[in-house]
Every structure is written in structure tokens, then in C-alpha cells.
Amino acid sequence: MKYTIGIEELINRPIIRSDKSEEFLNKMTDDEITQWEVEVEQALLEEGIEKKHLDWNVAFMAKIIDRGILYNLFLLKSNESKTN
């Protein structure tokens, strides 16, 4: 699945808000966060996890965490390349 906003783009963006727990969410507008949530929901549906499933919220959070981990890995890589 292709996301509307790429991780590399988010890394390079300035922080525009301070009301979210994840730094990358603080770099997104309300509309972008809404679109991101839709994309995560679509990814769960494509994996066959029904919304009524008891683990829907757990699966949703896992997708958020996966994206957060990827974001942090790309940020680390980006910072390493800047120092070399």
C-alpha cells in the first residue's frame, strides 16, 4: 500500500503542533492525520482484520507502532548520513 505521506517527507518536515504523542503526528495537519488513519484502516481491512474483530484496536495500534518504528529507523539513518 502506498501512503499519502512518505516517511522521508515526514522526517524532513518541521513540527507544526504539540498535541499528539508521536512526533511524526505533530508534523501533520488535521486533514493529513485523518487521511493517515483511513490508510491504516484500509491496510487492516486488506489484511482481513474485520472492524468488529476483538483485536481491531490492537491491530490498529500495531500499525501505528510499526509506522512509528519505521519512522524512527529512517530518522536514525538520516541522522547517521548527515554526520558521515
N, C-alpha and C. Protein backbone atom coordinates (compact mmCIF):
# COMPACT_ATOMS: atom_id res chain seq x y z
N MET A 1 0.84 -1.17 0.00
CA MET A 1 0.00 0.00 0.00
C MET A 1 0.89 1.25 0.00
N LYS A 2 0.55 2.21 -0.82
CA LYS A 2 1.30 3.47 -0.88
C LYS A 2 0.59 4.49 0.01
N TYR A 3 1.35 5.06 0.92
CA TYR A 3 0.78 6.07 1.81
C TYR A 3 0.86 7.44 1.17
N THR A 4 -0.08 8.31 1.54
CA THR A 4 -0.12 9.67 1.01
C THR A 4 1.15 10.42 1.35
N ILE A 5 1.61 10.25 2.58
CA ILE A 5 2.82 10.94 3.04
C ILE A 5 3.88 9.89 3.31
N GLY A 6 5.04 10.06 2.68
CA GLY A 6 6.14 9.14 2.89
C GLY A 6 6.89 9.46 4.17
N ILE A 7 7.56 8.44 4.70
CA ILE A 7 8.32 8.61 5.93
C ILE A 7 9.43 9.63 5.76
N GLU A 8 10.12 9.58 4.63
CA GLU A 8 11.22 10.52 4.40
C GLU A 8 10.72 11.96 4.40
N GLU A 9 9.54 12.18 3.81
CA GLU A 9 8.96 13.53 3.80
C GLU A 9 8.68 14.00 5.23
N LEU A 10 8.13 13.09 6.05
CA LEU A 10 7.83 13.46 7.44
C LEU A 10 9.09 13.78 8.22
N ILE A 11 10.15 13.04 7.99
CA ILE A 11 11.41 13.29 8.69
C ILE A 11 11.89 14.71 8.44
N ASN A 12 11.74 15.15 7.20
CA ASN A 12 12.25 16.47 6.81
C ASN A 12 11.32 17.63 7.16
N ARG A 13 10.12 17.33 7.61
CA ARG A 13 9.16 18.38 7.94
C ARG A 13 9.41 18.96 9.33
N PRO A 14 9.09 20.24 9.50
CA PRO A 14 9.16 20.82 10.85
C PRO A 14 7.93 20.40 11.67
N ILE A 15 8.06 20.45 12.97
CA ILE A 15 6.93 20.17 13.86
C ILE A 15 6.00 21.38 13.83
N ILE A 16 4.71 21.12 13.59
CA ILE A 16 3.74 22.21 13.46
C ILE A 16 2.70 22.21 14.58
N ARG A 17 2.75 21.21 15.45
CA ARG A 17 1.78 21.11 16.54
C ARG A 17 2.43 20.39 17.71
N SER A 18 1.75 20.35 18.84
CA SER A 18 2.32 19.66 20.00
C SER A 18 1.27 18.86 20.78
N ASP A 19 0.17 18.52 20.11
CA ASP A 19 -0.93 17.86 20.81
C ASP A 19 -0.99 16.35 20.62
N LYS A 20 -0.04 15.77 19.88
CA LYS A 20 -0.04 14.33 19.64
C LYS A 20 1.14 13.68 20.36
N SER A 21 0.99 12.41 20.70
CA SER A 21 2.05 11.72 21.43
C SER A 21 3.23 11.33 20.53
N GLU A 22 2.96 11.06 19.26
CA GLU A 22 4.02 10.69 18.33
C GLU A 22 4.54 11.92 17.61
N GLU A 23 5.87 12.06 17.55
CA GLU A 23 6.45 13.25 16.91
C GLU A 23 6.00 13.40 15.47
N PHE A 24 5.94 12.27 14.73
CA PHE A 24 5.57 12.39 13.31
C PHE A 24 4.14 12.88 13.13
N LEU A 25 3.24 12.58 14.08
CA LEU A 25 1.88 13.11 14.00
C LEU A 25 1.86 14.62 14.22
N ASN A 26 2.81 15.12 14.98
CA ASN A 26 2.91 16.56 15.22
C ASN A 26 3.46 17.30 14.02
N LYS A 27 3.84 16.57 12.99
CA LYS A 27 4.31 17.17 11.74
C LYS A 27 3.23 17.14 10.66
N MET A 28 2.02 16.70 11.04
CA MET A 28 0.93 16.53 10.09
C MET A 28 -0.23 17.45 10.43
N THR A 29 -0.94 17.91 9.40
CA THR A 29 -2.15 18.69 9.60
C THR A 29 -3.29 17.76 10.03
N ASP A 30 -4.39 18.33 10.48
CA ASP A 30 -5.56 17.52 10.85
C ASP A 30 -6.02 16.67 9.67
N ASP A 31 -6.07 17.26 8.48
CA ASP A 31 -6.50 16.52 7.28
C ASP A 31 -5.56 15.36 6.98
N GLU A 32 -4.26 15.58 7.14
CA GLU A 32 -3.29 14.52 6.87
C GLU A 32 -3.41 13.40 7.89
N ILE A 33 -3.66 13.74 9.15
CA ILE A 33 -3.84 12.72 10.18
C ILE A 33 -5.09 11.90 9.88
N THR A 34 -6.16 12.57 9.48
CA THR A 34 -7.39 11.86 9.12
C THR A 34 -7.13 10.90 7.96
N GLN A 35 -6.42 11.36 6.93
CA GLN A 35 -6.10 10.51 5.78
C GLN A 35 -5.22 9.34 6.21
N TRP A 36 -4.26 9.60 7.09
CA TRP A 36 -3.37 8.56 7.59
C TRP A 36 -4.17 7.48 8.32
N GLU A 37 -5.14 7.90 9.15
CA GLU A 37 -5.98 6.94 9.86
C GLU A 37 -6.80 6.10 8.88
N VAL A 38 -7.30 6.73 7.82
CA VAL A 38 -8.05 6.00 6.78
C VAL A 38 -7.13 4.96 6.12
N GLU A 39 -5.89 5.35 5.82
CA GLU A 39 -4.95 4.45 5.18
C GLU A 39 -4.60 3.27 6.08
N VAL A 40 -4.45 3.52 7.38
CA VAL A 40 -4.16 2.44 8.32
C VAL A 40 -5.36 1.50 8.40
N GLU A 41 -6.56 2.06 8.46
CA GLU A 41 -7.77 1.24 8.50
C GLU A 41 -7.88 0.39 7.23
N GLN A 42 -7.58 0.98 6.08
CA GLN A 42 -7.63 0.25 4.82
C GLN A 42 -6.61 -0.89 4.82
N ALA A 43 -5.42 -0.63 5.36
CA ALA A 43 -4.39 -1.67 5.43
C ALA A 43 -4.87 -2.84 6.29
N LEU A 44 -5.55 -2.54 7.39
CA LEU A 44 -6.09 -3.61 8.25
C LEU A 44 -7.15 -4.41 7.52
N LEU A 45 -8.01 -3.71 6.80
CA LEU A 45 -9.06 -4.41 6.05
C LEU A 45 -8.46 -5.29 4.96
N GLU A 46 -7.41 -4.79 4.29
CA GLU A 46 -6.75 -5.58 3.25
C GLU A 46 -6.09 -6.83 3.82
N GLU A 47 -5.71 -6.77 5.11
CA GLU A 47 -5.12 -7.93 5.77
C GLU A 47 -6.18 -8.87 6.34
N GLY A 48 -7.44 -8.51 6.14
CA GLY A 48 -8.54 -9.38 6.56
C GLY A 48 -8.94 -9.24 8.01
N ILE A 49 -8.56 -8.16 8.64
CA ILE A 49 -8.95 -7.94 10.03
C ILE A 49 -10.24 -7.13 10.02
N GLU A 50 -11.34 -7.79 10.39
CA GLU A 50 -12.64 -7.12 10.36
C GLU A 50 -12.75 -6.12 11.49
N LYS A 51 -13.46 -5.04 11.24
CA LYS A 51 -13.60 -3.97 12.24
C LYS A 51 -14.25 -4.47 13.51
N LYS A 52 -15.15 -5.43 13.40
CA LYS A 52 -15.84 -5.95 14.59
C LYS A 52 -14.98 -6.93 15.38
N HIS A 53 -13.84 -7.33 14.80
CA HIS A 53 -12.95 -8.28 15.45
C HIS A 53 -12.47 -7.72 16.79
N LEU A 54 -12.37 -8.56 17.80
CA LEU A 54 -11.96 -8.11 19.13
C LEU A 54 -10.57 -7.48 19.13
N ASP A 55 -9.71 -7.91 18.20
CA ASP A 55 -8.35 -7.39 18.17
C ASP A 55 -8.20 -6.20 17.22
N TRP A 56 -9.30 -5.61 16.77
CA TRP A 56 -9.20 -4.48 15.83
C TRP A 56 -8.35 -3.35 16.41
N ASN A 57 -8.64 -2.94 17.64
CA ASN A 57 -7.88 -1.84 18.25
C ASN A 57 -6.42 -2.22 18.44
N VAL A 58 -6.16 -3.47 18.82
CA VAL A 58 -4.79 -3.94 18.98
C VAL A 58 -4.08 -3.90 17.63
N ALA A 59 -4.76 -4.37 16.58
CA ALA A 59 -4.17 -4.36 15.25
C ALA A 59 -3.93 -2.93 14.78
N PHE A 60 -4.87 -2.05 15.05
CA PHE A 60 -4.72 -0.65 14.67
C PHE A 60 -3.50 -0.04 15.36
N MET A 61 -3.37 -0.30 16.65
CA MET A 61 -2.22 0.23 17.39
C MET A 61 -0.91 -0.39 16.88
N ALA A 62 -0.95 -1.66 16.50
CA ALA A 62 0.25 -2.29 15.96
C ALA A 62 0.70 -1.59 14.68
N LYS A 63 -0.26 -1.20 13.83
CA LYS A 63 0.09 -0.48 12.60
C LYS A 63 0.69 0.88 12.94
N ILE A 64 0.13 1.55 13.94
CA ILE A 64 0.68 2.84 14.36
C ILE A 64 2.10 2.65 14.88
N ILE A 65 2.30 1.63 15.69
CA ILE A 65 3.62 1.37 16.25
C ILE A 65 4.60 1.00 15.14
N ASP A 66 4.16 0.15 14.19
CA ASP A 66 5.02 -0.22 13.06
C ASP A 66 5.48 1.01 12.31
N ARG A 67 4.56 1.92 12.03
CA ARG A 67 4.93 3.14 11.31
C ARG A 67 5.84 4.01 12.16
N GLY A 68 5.61 4.03 13.48
CA GLY A 68 6.47 4.79 14.37
C GLY A 68 7.89 4.22 14.40
N ILE A 69 8.00 2.90 14.42
CA ILE A 69 9.31 2.25 14.41
C ILE A 69 10.02 2.55 13.11
N LEU A 70 9.31 2.41 11.99
CA LEU A 70 9.91 2.73 10.70
C LEU A 70 10.36 4.18 10.65
N TYR A 71 9.52 5.07 11.14
CA TYR A 71 9.86 6.49 11.15
C TYR A 71 11.17 6.71 11.93
N ASN A 72 11.25 6.10 13.12
CA ASN A 72 12.44 6.28 13.95
C ASN A 72 13.68 5.67 13.30
N LEU A 73 13.52 4.54 12.62
CA LEU A 73 14.66 3.93 11.93
C LEU A 73 15.15 4.82 10.79
N PHE A 74 14.21 5.36 10.01
CA PHE A 74 14.59 6.25 8.92
C PHE A 74 15.22 7.53 9.46
N LEU A 75 14.70 8.02 10.58
CA LEU A 75 15.27 9.22 11.18
C LEU A 75 16.70 8.95 11.64
N LEU A 76 16.91 7.80 12.28
CA LEU A 76 18.25 7.42 12.71
C LEU A 76 19.20 7.33 11.51
N LYS A 77 18.74 6.67 10.45
CA LYS A 77 19.55 6.54 9.24
C LYS A 77 19.85 7.92 8.64
N SER A 78 18.85 8.77 8.63
CA SER A 78 19.02 10.12 8.10
C SER A 78 20.05 10.90 8.92
N ASN A 79 19.97 10.78 10.22
CA ASN A 79 20.91 11.48 11.10
C ASN A 79 22.32 10.93 10.94
N GLU A 80 22.44 9.60 10.76
CA GLU A 80 23.76 8.99 10.57
C GLU A 80 24.40 9.49 9.28
N SER A 81 23.61 9.60 8.22
CA SER A 81 24.16 10.04 6.93
C SER A 81 24.59 11.51 7.00
N LYS A 82 23.95 12.29 7.84
CA LYS A 82 24.31 13.70 8.00
C LYS A 82 25.63 13.87 8.74
N THR A 83 25.92 12.92 9.64
CA THR A 83 27.14 13.02 10.44
C THR A 83 28.35 12.41 9.74
N ASN A 84 28.11 11.63 8.69
CA ASN A 84 29.23 10.98 7.97
C ASN A 84 29.72 11.82 6.84
